[in-house]
């Protein structure tokens, strides 16, 4: 039995670039197309390997900068044959262009009441559709900062899937599920948790490009196939293949992304990539266990991370 893979890309304006006082064009470039390894590069690699990916697009910056930048994101993604679903950082509700982030709304979805969350989600959906996206059926909260009220709000609005539960982010991800829950589950709607691995006994690490080495990612995929997992959900960002300033490619992250695409492209029978819009039949009763800790893999990744942080992250 194949294990469906949701290869997801959170696609958003990085708040740090707004806080730095950059102009709109520079914010877009450094958030979405940094150093030639952003959205367009990722879409090209996905097409090269015949992969599907879900781009969770945050339309909230349209409240500050207009719909133009969000429409550009949506057009780029849909034009490449990939899907757009809803992402949201609600702090943009109180932002003002050019004020270097002096004003902002509450940052986390769980800081809002149920009624406020319904209003936020309804407004964000309207913005995303106005930017040219199909009506979304899946959602991920910015920073994974959802709670059960978020899921109730989504269900009330007709969403089918949420993918905010992340056991590695228990301070922010406040959905009432166990941190090691990685299999899809019926929980107000269909919750599709972000995959994690065990970094050390009782500690979890997100299946994310900037978090796992290629060896760890390959081991996690092997584990999912061997154990017949119900799904694998992988996270990336539009800006993740560049340094935090968006001025230089992060070679470590680019190699990880390219390797992941090759791995998935070579294993489409066992690990088919999916769009949420495909509405794949998911097993909702599985008790899948994350890949267990391995000290050698962890040390090798830590060495690679050290190189990434001290060399690849430096500005050009």
C-alpha atoms as a PDB file:
ATOM      1  CA  UNK A   1       0.000   0.000   0.000  1.00  0.00           C
ATOM      2  CA  UNK A   2       1.380   3.384  -1.016  1.00  0.00           C
ATOM      3  CA  UNK A   3       1.989   6.158   1.516  1.00  0.00           C
ATOM      4  CA  UNK A   4       0.729   9.521   0.229  1.00  0.00           C
ATOM      5  CA  UNK A   5       3.115  12.439   0.656  1.00  0.00           C
ATOM      6  CA  UNK A   6       2.009  16.037   1.178  1.00  0.00           C
ATOM      7  CA  UNK A   7       4.966  18.176   0.153  1.00  0.00           C
ATOM      8  CA  UNK A   8       3.940  21.573   1.514  1.00  0.00           C
ATOM      9  CA  UNK A   9       5.441  25.029   1.067  1.00  0.00           C
ATOM     10  CA  UNK A  10       4.354  27.895   3.328  1.00  0.00           C
ATOM     11  CA  UNK A  11       4.323  30.863   0.976  1.00  0.00           C
ATOM     12  CA  UNK A  12       4.326  34.251   2.651  1.00  0.00           C
ATOM     13  CA  UNK A  13       5.904  37.640   3.147  1.00  0.00           C
ATOM     14  CA  UNK A  14       8.595  37.309   5.806  1.00  0.00           C
ATOM     15  CA  UNK A  15       7.707  39.730   8.599  1.00  0.00           C
ATOM     16  CA  UNK A  16      11.399  40.411   9.221  1.00  0.00           C
ATOM     17  CA  UNK A  17      11.728  42.141   5.848  1.00  0.00           C
ATOM     18  CA  UNK A  18       8.771  44.403   6.630  1.00  0.00           C
ATOM     19  CA  UNK A  19      10.334  45.116  10.032  1.00  0.00           C
ATOM     20  CA  UNK A  20      13.586  46.071   8.285  1.00  0.00           C
ATOM     21  CA  UNK A  21      11.740  48.820   6.398  1.00  0.00           C
ATOM     22  CA  UNK A  22      12.301  47.335   2.942  1.00  0.00           C
ATOM     23  CA  UNK A  23      10.174  48.477   0.008  1.00  0.00           C
ATOM     24  CA  UNK A  24       7.448  46.252  -1.433  1.00  0.00           C
ATOM     25  CA  UNK A  25       9.435  44.924  -4.392  1.00  0.00           C
ATOM     26  CA  UNK A  26      12.350  43.982  -2.152  1.00  0.00           C
ATOM     27  CA  UNK A  27      10.073  42.335   0.418  1.00  0.00           C
ATOM     28  CA  UNK A  28       8.532  40.247  -2.368  1.00  0.00           C
ATOM     29  CA  UNK A  29      11.870  39.288  -3.881  1.00  0.00           C
ATOM     30  CA  UNK A  30      13.526  38.349  -0.598  1.00  0.00           C
ATOM     31  CA  UNK A  31      10.463  36.454   0.636  1.00  0.00           C
ATOM     32  CA  UNK A  32       9.382  34.686  -2.559  1.00  0.00           C
ATOM     33  CA  UNK A  33      12.253  34.747  -5.064  1.00  0.00           C
ATOM     34  CA  UNK A  34      15.421  35.120  -2.977  1.00  0.00           C
ATOM     35  CA  UNK A  35      18.801  34.625  -4.623  1.00  0.00           C
ATOM     36  CA  UNK A  36      17.350  32.632  -7.527  1.00  0.00           C
ATOM     37  CA  UNK A  37      16.257  29.727  -5.307  1.00  0.00           C
ATOM     38  CA  UNK A  38      12.743  30.800  -4.382  1.00  0.00           C
ATOM     39  CA  UNK A  39       9.313  29.973  -5.696  1.00  0.00           C
ATOM     40  CA  UNK A  40      10.238  29.757  -9.389  1.00  0.00           C
ATOM     41  CA  UNK A  41      13.258  27.531  -8.718  1.00  0.00           C
ATOM     42  CA  UNK A  42      11.232  25.203  -6.514  1.00  0.00           C
ATOM     43  CA  UNK A  43       8.430  24.940  -9.061  1.00  0.00           C
ATOM     44  CA  UNK A  44      10.941  24.072 -11.786  1.00  0.00           C
ATOM     45  CA  UNK A  45      12.498  21.300  -9.709  1.00  0.00           C
ATOM     46  CA  UNK A  46       9.068  19.896  -8.813  1.00  0.00           C
ATOM     47  CA  UNK A  47       8.104  19.807 -12.490  1.00  0.00           C
ATOM     48  CA  UNK A  48      11.416  18.194 -13.423  1.00  0.00           C
ATOM     49  CA  UNK A  49      10.693  15.287 -11.070  1.00  0.00           C
ATOM     50  CA  UNK A  50       6.941  15.078 -11.709  1.00  0.00           C
ATOM     51  CA  UNK A  51       5.991  15.994  -8.144  1.00  0.00           C
ATOM     52  CA  UNK A  52       2.899  17.601  -6.684  1.00  0.00           C
ATOM     53  CA  UNK A  53       3.183  20.171  -3.906  1.00  0.00           C
ATOM     54  CA  UNK A  54       0.747  22.224  -1.873  1.00  0.00           C
ATOM     55  CA  UNK A  55       1.601  25.902  -1.521  1.00  0.00           C
ATOM     56  CA  UNK A  56      -0.076  27.320   1.569  1.00  0.00           C
ATOM     57  CA  UNK A  57      -0.349  30.995   0.594  1.00  0.00           C
ATOM     58  CA  UNK A  58      -0.795  33.777   3.162  1.00  0.00           C
ATOM     59  CA  UNK A  59      -2.969  36.502   1.594  1.00  0.00           C
ATOM     60  CA  UNK A  60      -2.967  38.781   4.655  1.00  0.00           C
ATOM     61  CA  UNK A  61      -0.240  41.171   3.402  1.00  0.00           C
ATOM     62  CA  UNK A  62      -2.868  42.299   0.865  1.00  0.00           C
ATOM     63  CA  UNK A  63      -4.383  44.292   3.724  1.00  0.00           C
ATOM     64  CA  UNK A  64      -1.210  46.394   3.721  1.00  0.00           C
ATOM     65  CA  UNK A  65       0.131  46.223   0.169  1.00  0.00           C
ATOM     66  CA  UNK A  66      -2.933  45.397  -1.946  1.00  0.00           C
ATOM     67  CA  UNK A  67      -3.819  42.207  -3.820  1.00  0.00           C
ATOM     68  CA  UNK A  68      -1.083  42.566  -6.448  1.00  0.00           C
ATOM     69  CA  UNK A  69       1.688  40.646  -4.633  1.00  0.00           C
ATOM     70  CA  UNK A  70      -0.669  37.843  -3.569  1.00  0.00           C
ATOM     71  CA  UNK A  71      -2.042  37.532  -7.107  1.00  0.00           C
ATOM     72  CA  UNK A  72       1.537  37.257  -8.356  1.00  0.00           C
ATOM     73  CA  UNK A  73       2.176  34.359  -5.935  1.00  0.00           C
ATOM     74  CA  UNK A  74      -1.055  32.615  -6.890  1.00  0.00           C
ATOM     75  CA  UNK A  75      -0.539  33.050 -10.637  1.00  0.00           C
ATOM     76  CA  UNK A  76       3.012  31.697 -10.407  1.00  0.00           C
ATOM     77  CA  UNK A  77       1.933  28.595  -8.500  1.00  0.00           C
ATOM     78  CA  UNK A  78      -1.197  27.786 -10.499  1.00  0.00           C
ATOM     79  CA  UNK A  79       0.641  28.460 -13.747  1.00  0.00           C
ATOM     80  CA  UNK A  80       3.087  25.687 -12.812  1.00  0.00           C
ATOM     81  CA  UNK A  81       0.258  23.215 -12.194  1.00  0.00           C
ATOM     82  CA  UNK A  82       0.542  23.189  -8.408  1.00  0.00           C
ATOM     83  CA  UNK A  83      -2.164  23.887  -5.851  1.00  0.00           C
ATOM     84  CA  UNK A  84      -2.838  26.866  -3.604  1.00  0.00           C
ATOM     85  CA  UNK A  85      -4.365  26.422  -0.147  1.00  0.00           C
ATOM     86  CA  UNK A  86      -4.776  28.885   2.731  1.00  0.00           C
ATOM     87  CA  UNK A  87      -2.094  30.000   5.171  1.00  0.00           C
ATOM     88  CA  UNK A  88      -2.409  32.916   7.571  1.00  0.00           C
ATOM     89  CA  UNK A  89      -0.330  35.123   9.837  1.00  0.00           C
ATOM     90  CA  UNK A  90      -2.985  37.310  11.519  1.00  0.00           C
ATOM     91  CA  UNK A  91      -0.509  39.929  12.731  1.00  0.00           C
ATOM     92  CA  UNK A  92      -0.795  41.561   9.288  1.00  0.00           C
ATOM     93  CA  UNK A  93      -4.291  42.736  10.277  1.00  0.00           C
ATOM     94  CA  UNK A  94      -2.769  45.597  12.266  1.00  0.00           C
ATOM     95  CA  UNK A  95       0.240  46.357  10.079  1.00  0.00           C
ATOM     96  CA  UNK A  96       0.974  49.580   8.216  1.00  0.00           C
ATOM     97  CA  UNK A  97       3.249  49.923   5.194  1.00  0.00           C
ATOM     98  CA  UNK A  98       6.557  51.585   5.939  1.00  0.00           C
ATOM     99  CA  UNK A  99       6.255  51.647   9.738  1.00  0.00           C
ATOM    100  CA  UNK A 100       8.970  48.988  10.298  1.00  0.00           C
ATOM    101  CA  UNK A 101       6.503  46.703  12.116  1.00  0.00           C
ATOM    102  CA  UNK A 102       5.621  49.279  14.765  1.00  0.00           C
ATOM    103  CA  UNK A 103       1.953  48.271  14.472  1.00  0.00           C
ATOM    104  CA  UNK A 104       0.562  44.767  14.221  1.00  0.00           C
ATOM    105  CA  UNK A 105      -2.299  42.498  15.205  1.00  0.00           C
ATOM    106  CA  UNK A 106      -2.043  39.552  17.575  1.00  0.00           C
ATOM    107  CA  UNK A 107       0.408  37.101  16.068  1.00  0.00           C
ATOM    108  CA  UNK A 108      -1.046  33.684  16.927  1.00  0.00           C
ATOM    109  CA  UNK A 109      -4.398  32.247  15.882  1.00  0.00           C
ATOM    110  CA  UNK A 110      -4.927  30.778  19.354  1.00  0.00           C
ATOM    111  CA  UNK A 111      -4.907  34.333  20.781  1.00  0.00           C
ATOM    112  CA  UNK A 112      -8.274  34.942  19.115  1.00  0.00           C
ATOM    113  CA  UNK A 113     -11.726  33.745  20.190  1.00  0.00           C
ATOM    114  CA  UNK A 114     -13.664  31.251  18.102  1.00  0.00           C
ATOM    115  CA  UNK A 115     -15.807  33.998  16.581  1.00  0.00           C
ATOM    116  CA  UNK A 116     -12.725  36.101  15.824  1.00  0.00           C
ATOM    117  CA  UNK A 117     -11.039  33.124  14.168  1.00  0.00           C
ATOM    118  CA  UNK A 118     -14.086  32.497  12.001  1.00  0.00           C
ATOM    119  CA  UNK A 119     -14.018  36.144  10.882  1.00  0.00           C
ATOM    120  CA  UNK A 120     -10.270  36.024  10.203  1.00  0.00           C
ATOM    121  CA  UNK A 121     -10.534  32.821   8.181  1.00  0.00           C
ATOM    122  CA  UNK A 122     -13.507  34.082   6.214  1.00  0.00           C
ATOM    123  CA  UNK A 123     -11.690  37.313   5.365  1.00  0.00           C
ATOM    124  CA  UNK A 124      -8.466  35.511   4.428  1.00  0.00           C
ATOM    125  CA  UNK A 125     -10.400  33.112   2.193  1.00  0.00           C
ATOM    126  CA  UNK A 126     -12.044  36.031   0.419  1.00  0.00           C
ATOM    127  CA  UNK A 127      -8.651  37.652  -0.182  1.00  0.00           C
ATOM    128  CA  UNK A 128      -7.122  34.436  -1.520  1.00  0.00           C
ATOM    129  CA  UNK A 129     -10.024  33.836  -3.903  1.00  0.00           C
ATOM    130  CA  UNK A 130      -9.945  37.484  -5.010  1.00  0.00           C
ATOM    131  CA  UNK A 131      -6.269  36.935  -5.876  1.00  0.00           C
ATOM    132  CA  UNK A 132      -7.278  34.150  -8.277  1.00  0.00           C
ATOM    133  CA  UNK A 133      -7.059  30.986  -6.184  1.00  0.00           C
ATOM    134  CA  UNK A 134      -9.756  28.302  -6.134  1.00  0.00           C
ATOM    135  CA  UNK A 135     -11.774  28.229  -2.922  1.00  0.00           C
ATOM    136  CA  UNK A 136      -9.419  26.604  -0.391  1.00  0.00           C
ATOM    137  CA  UNK A 137     -10.243  23.355   1.393  1.00  0.00           C
ATOM    138  CA  UNK A 138      -7.027  23.047   3.442  1.00  0.00           C
ATOM    139  CA  UNK A 139      -5.333  25.350   5.943  1.00  0.00           C
ATOM    140  CA  UNK A 140      -2.156  25.756   7.947  1.00  0.00           C
ATOM    141  CA  UNK A 141      -1.805  28.348  10.679  1.00  0.00           C
ATOM    142  CA  UNK A 142       1.231  30.610  10.624  1.00  0.00           C
ATOM    143  CA  UNK A 143       3.800  29.246  13.047  1.00  0.00           C
ATOM    144  CA  UNK A 144       1.512  26.192  13.499  1.00  0.00           C
ATOM    145  CA  UNK A 145      -0.216  28.379  16.113  1.00  0.00           C
ATOM    146  CA  UNK A 146      -3.655  26.776  15.952  1.00  0.00           C
ATOM    147  CA  UNK A 147      -5.892  25.376  18.655  1.00  0.00           C
ATOM    148  CA  UNK A 148      -9.080  23.341  18.623  1.00  0.00           C
ATOM    149  CA  UNK A 149     -11.105  26.514  18.096  1.00  0.00           C
ATOM    150  CA  UNK A 150      -9.191  26.972  14.846  1.00  0.00           C
ATOM    151  CA  UNK A 151     -10.345  23.557  13.688  1.00  0.00           C
ATOM    152  CA  UNK A 152     -13.908  24.274  14.759  1.00  0.00           C
ATOM    153  CA  UNK A 153     -13.791  27.531  12.825  1.00  0.00           C
ATOM    154  CA  UNK A 154     -12.425  25.810   9.739  1.00  0.00           C
ATOM    155  CA  UNK A 155     -15.065  23.089   9.869  1.00  0.00           C
ATOM    156  CA  UNK A 156     -17.825  25.689  10.186  1.00  0.00           C
ATOM    157  CA  UNK A 157     -16.543  27.329   7.000  1.00  0.00           C
ATOM    158  CA  UNK A 158     -16.475  24.116   4.991  1.00  0.00           C
ATOM    159  CA  UNK A 159     -12.747  23.344   5.091  1.00  0.00           C
ATOM    160  CA  UNK A 160     -11.908  19.652   4.793  1.00  0.00           C
ATOM    161  CA  UNK A 161      -8.284  19.538   5.993  1.00  0.00           C
ATOM    162  CA  UNK A 162      -6.001  21.270   8.455  1.00  0.00           C
ATOM    163  CA  UNK A 163      -2.245  20.730   8.676  1.00  0.00           C
ATOM    164  CA  UNK A 164      -1.253  22.807  11.709  1.00  0.00           C
ATOM    165  CA  UNK A 165      -0.526  20.086  14.278  1.00  0.00           C
ATOM    166  CA  UNK A 166       3.222  19.850  14.835  1.00  0.00           C
ATOM    167  CA  UNK A 167       4.459  17.927  17.861  1.00  0.00           C
ATOM    168  CA  UNK A 168       7.826  19.655  17.669  1.00  0.00           C
ATOM    169  CA  UNK A 169       6.178  23.040  18.318  1.00  0.00           C
ATOM    170  CA  UNK A 170       4.116  22.354  21.424  1.00  0.00           C
ATOM    171  CA  UNK A 171       4.344  25.923  22.712  1.00  0.00           C
ATOM    172  CA  UNK A 172       2.637  27.202  19.584  1.00  0.00           C
ATOM    173  CA  UNK A 173       0.800  24.223  18.118  1.00  0.00           C
ATOM    174  CA  UNK A 174      -2.012  23.843  20.644  1.00  0.00           C
ATOM    175  CA  UNK A 175      -4.342  21.388  18.954  1.00  0.00           C
ATOM    176  CA  UNK A 176      -5.467  18.695  21.394  1.00  0.00           C
ATOM    177  CA  UNK A 177      -3.442  15.836  19.920  1.00  0.00           C
ATOM    178  CA  UNK A 178      -0.382  13.996  21.203  1.00  0.00           C
ATOM    179  CA  UNK A 179       2.977  15.430  20.076  1.00  0.00           C
ATOM    180  CA  UNK A 180       3.886  12.153  18.377  1.00  0.00           C
ATOM    181  CA  UNK A 181       0.647  12.078  16.385  1.00  0.00           C
ATOM    182  CA  UNK A 182       1.733  12.004  12.732  1.00  0.00           C
ATOM    183  CA  UNK A 183      -1.085  10.071  11.051  1.00  0.00           C
ATOM    184  CA  UNK A 184      -4.172  11.838   9.690  1.00  0.00           C
ATOM    185  CA  UNK A 185      -7.063  11.813  12.148  1.00  0.00           C
ATOM    186  CA  UNK A 186     -10.678  12.927  12.296  1.00  0.00           C
ATOM    187  CA  UNK A 187     -10.532  15.809  14.778  1.00  0.00           C
ATOM    188  CA  UNK A 188     -13.250  18.396  14.063  1.00  0.00           C
ATOM    189  CA  UNK A 189     -12.215  17.951  10.404  1.00  0.00           C
ATOM    190  CA  UNK A 190      -9.400  15.876   8.896  1.00  0.00           C
ATOM    191  CA  UNK A 191      -6.193  16.870  10.652  1.00  0.00           C
ATOM    192  CA  UNK A 192      -3.091  16.029   8.604  1.00  0.00           C
ATOM    193  CA  UNK A 193      -0.237  16.533  11.080  1.00  0.00           C
ATOM    194  CA  UNK A 194       3.207  17.674  10.065  1.00  0.00           C
ATOM    195  CA  UNK A 195       5.553  14.696  10.215  1.00  0.00           C
ATOM    196  CA  UNK A 196       8.190  14.587  12.932  1.00  0.00           C
ATOM    197  CA  UNK A 197      11.051  12.277  13.810  1.00  0.00           C
ATOM    198  CA  UNK A 198      12.444  11.526  17.251  1.00  0.00           C
ATOM    199  CA  UNK A 199      15.582  13.616  17.660  1.00  0.00           C
ATOM    200  CA  UNK A 200      16.393  12.211  21.096  1.00  0.00           C
ATOM    201  CA  UNK A 201      14.190  10.191  23.431  1.00  0.00           C
ATOM    202  CA  UNK A 202      11.014  12.222  23.956  1.00  0.00           C
ATOM    203  CA  UNK A 203      12.163  15.105  21.718  1.00  0.00           C
ATOM    204  CA  UNK A 204      10.712  15.666  18.240  1.00  0.00           C
ATOM    205  CA  UNK A 205      12.047  17.353  15.138  1.00  0.00           C
ATOM    206  CA  UNK A 206       9.963  18.600  12.225  1.00  0.00           C
ATOM    207  CA  UNK A 207      10.286  17.007   8.791  1.00  0.00           C
ATOM    208  CA  UNK A 208      11.402  20.313   7.295  1.00  0.00           C
ATOM    209  CA  UNK A 209      14.199  21.194   4.905  1.00  0.00           C
ATOM    210  CA  UNK A 210      15.982  23.438   7.376  1.00  0.00           C
ATOM    211  CA  UNK A 211      15.554  20.898  10.197  1.00  0.00           C
ATOM    212  CA  UNK A 212      16.528  17.473   8.793  1.00  0.00           C
ATOM    213  CA  UNK A 213      19.578  16.365   6.865  1.00  0.00           C
ATOM    214  CA  UNK A 214      19.094  14.488   3.612  1.00  0.00           C
ATOM    215  CA  UNK A 215      20.092  11.277   5.400  1.00  0.00           C
ATOM    216  CA  UNK A 216      17.425  11.858   8.055  1.00  0.00           C
ATOM    217  CA  UNK A 217      14.820  12.669   5.405  1.00  0.00           C
ATOM    218  CA  UNK A 218      15.676   9.497   3.481  1.00  0.00           C
ATOM    219  CA  UNK A 219      15.506   7.443   6.672  1.00  0.00           C
ATOM    220  CA  UNK A 220      12.129   8.963   7.557  1.00  0.00           C
ATOM    221  CA  UNK A 221      10.780   8.105   4.113  1.00  0.00           C
ATOM    222  CA  UNK A 222      12.161   4.555   4.319  1.00  0.00           C
ATOM    223  CA  UNK A 223      10.546   4.191   7.737  1.00  0.00           C
ATOM    224  CA  UNK A 224       7.183   5.434   6.445  1.00  0.00           C
ATOM    225  CA  UNK A 225       7.230   2.924   3.590  1.00  0.00           C
ATOM    226  CA  UNK A 226       8.382   0.017   5.753  1.00  0.00           C
ATOM    227  CA  UNK A 227       5.733   0.738   8.389  1.00  0.00           C
ATOM    228  CA  UNK A 228       3.012   1.529   5.814  1.00  0.00           C
ATOM    229  CA  UNK A 229       2.290   4.957   7.224  1.00  0.00           C
ATOM    230  CA  UNK A 230      -1.006   6.606   6.382  1.00  0.00           C
ATOM    231  CA  UNK A 231       0.740   9.784   5.157  1.00  0.00           C
ATOM    232  CA  UNK A 232       3.914  11.848   5.289  1.00  0.00           C
ATOM    233  CA  UNK A 233       3.698  15.639   5.527  1.00  0.00           C
ATOM    234  CA  UNK A 234       6.821  17.659   4.744  1.00  0.00           C
ATOM    235  CA  UNK A 235       7.257  21.402   5.331  1.00  0.00           C
ATOM    236  CA  UNK A 236       9.251  24.038   3.488  1.00  0.00           C
ATOM    237  CA  UNK A 237       8.960  27.786   2.861  1.00  0.00           C
ATOM    238  CA  UNK A 238       9.257  29.922  -0.228  1.00  0.00           C
ATOM    239  CA  UNK A 239      12.357  31.592   1.240  1.00  0.00           C
ATOM    240  CA  UNK A 240      13.923  28.558   2.914  1.00  0.00           C
ATOM    241  CA  UNK A 241      16.567  27.814   0.295  1.00  0.00           C
ATOM    242  CA  UNK A 242      18.218  31.202   0.871  1.00  0.00           C
ATOM    243  CA  UNK A 243      19.792  32.807   3.910  1.00  0.00           C
ATOM    244  CA  UNK A 244      17.550  34.719   6.299  1.00  0.00           C
ATOM    245  CA  UNK A 245      18.336  38.028   4.617  1.00  0.00           C
ATOM    246  CA  UNK A 246      17.252  36.596   1.268  1.00  0.00           C
ATOM    247  CA  UNK A 247      20.464  37.742  -0.385  1.00  0.00           C
ATOM    248  CA  UNK A 248      22.325  34.475  -0.925  1.00  0.00           C
ATOM    249  CA  UNK A 249      21.448  30.851  -1.598  1.00  0.00           C
ATOM    250  CA  UNK A 250      21.928  28.489   1.330  1.00  0.00           C
ATOM    251  CA  UNK A 251      23.804  25.669  -0.359  1.00  0.00           C
ATOM    252  CA  UNK A 252      22.959  23.165   2.377  1.00  0.00           C
ATOM    253  CA  UNK A 253      19.233  23.759   2.018  1.00  0.00           C
ATOM    254  CA  UNK A 254      19.339  23.793  -1.790  1.00  0.00           C
ATOM    255  CA  UNK A 255      21.091  20.403  -1.793  1.00  0.00           C
ATOM    256  CA  UNK A 256      18.531  19.045   0.656  1.00  0.00           C
ATOM    257  CA  UNK A 257      15.646  20.222  -1.511  1.00  0.00           C
ATOM    258  CA  UNK A 258      17.166  18.851  -4.706  1.00  0.00           C
ATOM    259  CA  UNK A 259      17.923  15.524  -3.004  1.00  0.00           C
ATOM    260  CA  UNK A 260      14.402  15.291  -1.598  1.00  0.00           C
ATOM    261  CA  UNK A 261      12.925  15.907  -5.048  1.00  0.00           C
ATOM    262  CA  UNK A 262      15.135  13.180  -6.529  1.00  0.00           C
ATOM    263  CA  UNK A 263      14.176  10.743  -3.764  1.00  0.00           C
ATOM    264  CA  UNK A 264      10.462  11.351  -4.174  1.00  0.00           C
ATOM    265  CA  UNK A 265      10.695  11.378  -7.957  1.00  0.00           C
ATOM    266  CA  UNK A 266      12.328   7.952  -7.888  1.00  0.00           C
ATOM    267  CA  UNK A 267       9.732   6.468  -5.502  1.00  0.00           C
ATOM    268  CA  UNK A 268       6.409   7.658  -6.882  1.00  0.00           C
ATOM    269  CA  UNK A 269       4.873   4.180  -6.661  1.00  0.00           C
ATOM    270  CA  UNK A 270       5.563   3.898  -2.919  1.00  0.00           C
ATOM    271  CA  UNK A 271       5.438   7.591  -2.018  1.00  0.00           C
ATOM    272  CA  UNK A 272       3.089   9.410  -4.405  1.00  0.00           C
ATOM    273  CA  UNK A 273       2.903  13.151  -3.837  1.00  0.00           C
ATOM    274  CA  UNK A 274      -0.611  14.528  -3.478  1.00  0.00           C
ATOM    275  CA  UNK A 275      -2.609  17.723  -3.643  1.00  0.00           C
ATOM    276  CA  UNK A 276      -5.243  18.247  -0.982  1.00  0.00           C
ATOM    277  CA  UNK A 277      -7.575  19.072  -3.873  1.00  0.00           C
ATOM    278  CA  UNK A 278      -7.162  15.446  -4.999  1.00  0.00           C
ATOM    279  CA  UNK A 279      -9.079  14.531  -1.821  1.00  0.00           C
ATOM    280  CA  UNK A 280      -7.104  11.288  -1.449  1.00  0.00           C
ATOM    281  CA  UNK A 281      -8.618   8.545   0.669  1.00  0.00           C
ATOM    282  CA  UNK A 282      -6.649   8.677   3.921  1.00  0.00           C
ATOM    283  CA  UNK A 283      -6.609   6.071   6.678  1.00  0.00           C
ATOM    284  CA  UNK A 284      -7.776   7.941   9.766  1.00  0.00           C
ATOM    285  CA  UNK A 285      -7.342   5.182  12.360  1.00  0.00           C
ATOM    286  CA  UNK A 286      -3.583   4.564  12.022  1.00  0.00           C
ATOM    287  CA  UNK A 287      -1.243   4.771  15.008  1.00  0.00           C
ATOM    288  CA  UNK A 288       1.894   5.540  13.025  1.00  0.00           C
ATOM    289  CA  UNK A 289       5.090   5.967  15.027  1.00  0.00           C
ATOM    290  CA  UNK A 290       7.749   8.540  14.097  1.00  0.00           C
ATOM    291  CA  UNK A 291      11.214   7.417  13.066  1.00  0.00           C
ATOM    292  CA  UNK A 292      13.164   6.639  16.237  1.00  0.00           C
ATOM    293  CA  UNK A 293      16.209   8.508  17.483  1.00  0.00           C
ATOM    294  CA  UNK A 294      19.639   7.709  16.068  1.00  0.00           C
ATOM    295  CA  UNK A 295      22.654   9.336  17.682  1.00  0.00           C
ATOM    296  CA  UNK A 296      24.916   9.063  14.614  1.00  0.00           C
ATOM    297  CA  UNK A 297      22.378  10.622  12.249  1.00  0.00           C
ATOM    298  CA  UNK A 298      21.815  13.387  14.778  1.00  0.00           C
ATOM    299  CA  UNK A 299      25.533  14.200  15.157  1.00  0.00           C
ATOM    300  CA  UNK A 300      26.060  14.262  11.410  1.00  0.00           C
ATOM    301  CA  UNK A 301      23.117  16.624  10.994  1.00  0.00           C
ATOM    302  CA  UNK A 302      24.382  18.870  13.782  1.00  0.00           C
ATOM    303  CA  UNK A 303      27.715  19.164  11.990  1.00  0.00           C
ATOM    304  CA  UNK A 304      25.909  20.036   8.755  1.00  0.00           C
ATOM    305  CA  UNK A 305      23.741  22.562  10.597  1.00  0.00           C
ATOM    306  CA  UNK A 306      26.839  24.203  12.025  1.00  0.00           C
ATOM    307  CA  UNK A 307      28.155  24.713   8.497  1.00  0.00           C
ATOM    308  CA  UNK A 308      24.768  26.014   7.375  1.00  0.00           C
ATOM    309  CA  UNK A 309      24.516  28.482  10.257  1.00  0.00           C
ATOM    310  CA  UNK A 310      28.066  29.788  10.151  1.00  0.00           C
ATOM    311  CA  UNK A 311      28.831  29.725   6.433  1.00  0.00           C
ATOM    312  CA  UNK A 312      25.735  29.301   4.220  1.00  0.00           C
ATOM    313  CA  UNK A 313      23.690  31.780   6.274  1.00  0.00           C
ATOM    314  CA  UNK A 314      26.150  34.619   5.889  1.00  0.00           C
ATOM    315  CA  UNK A 315      24.983  37.515   3.738  1.00  0.00           C
ATOM    316  CA  UNK A 316      26.604  38.031   0.378  1.00  0.00           C
END
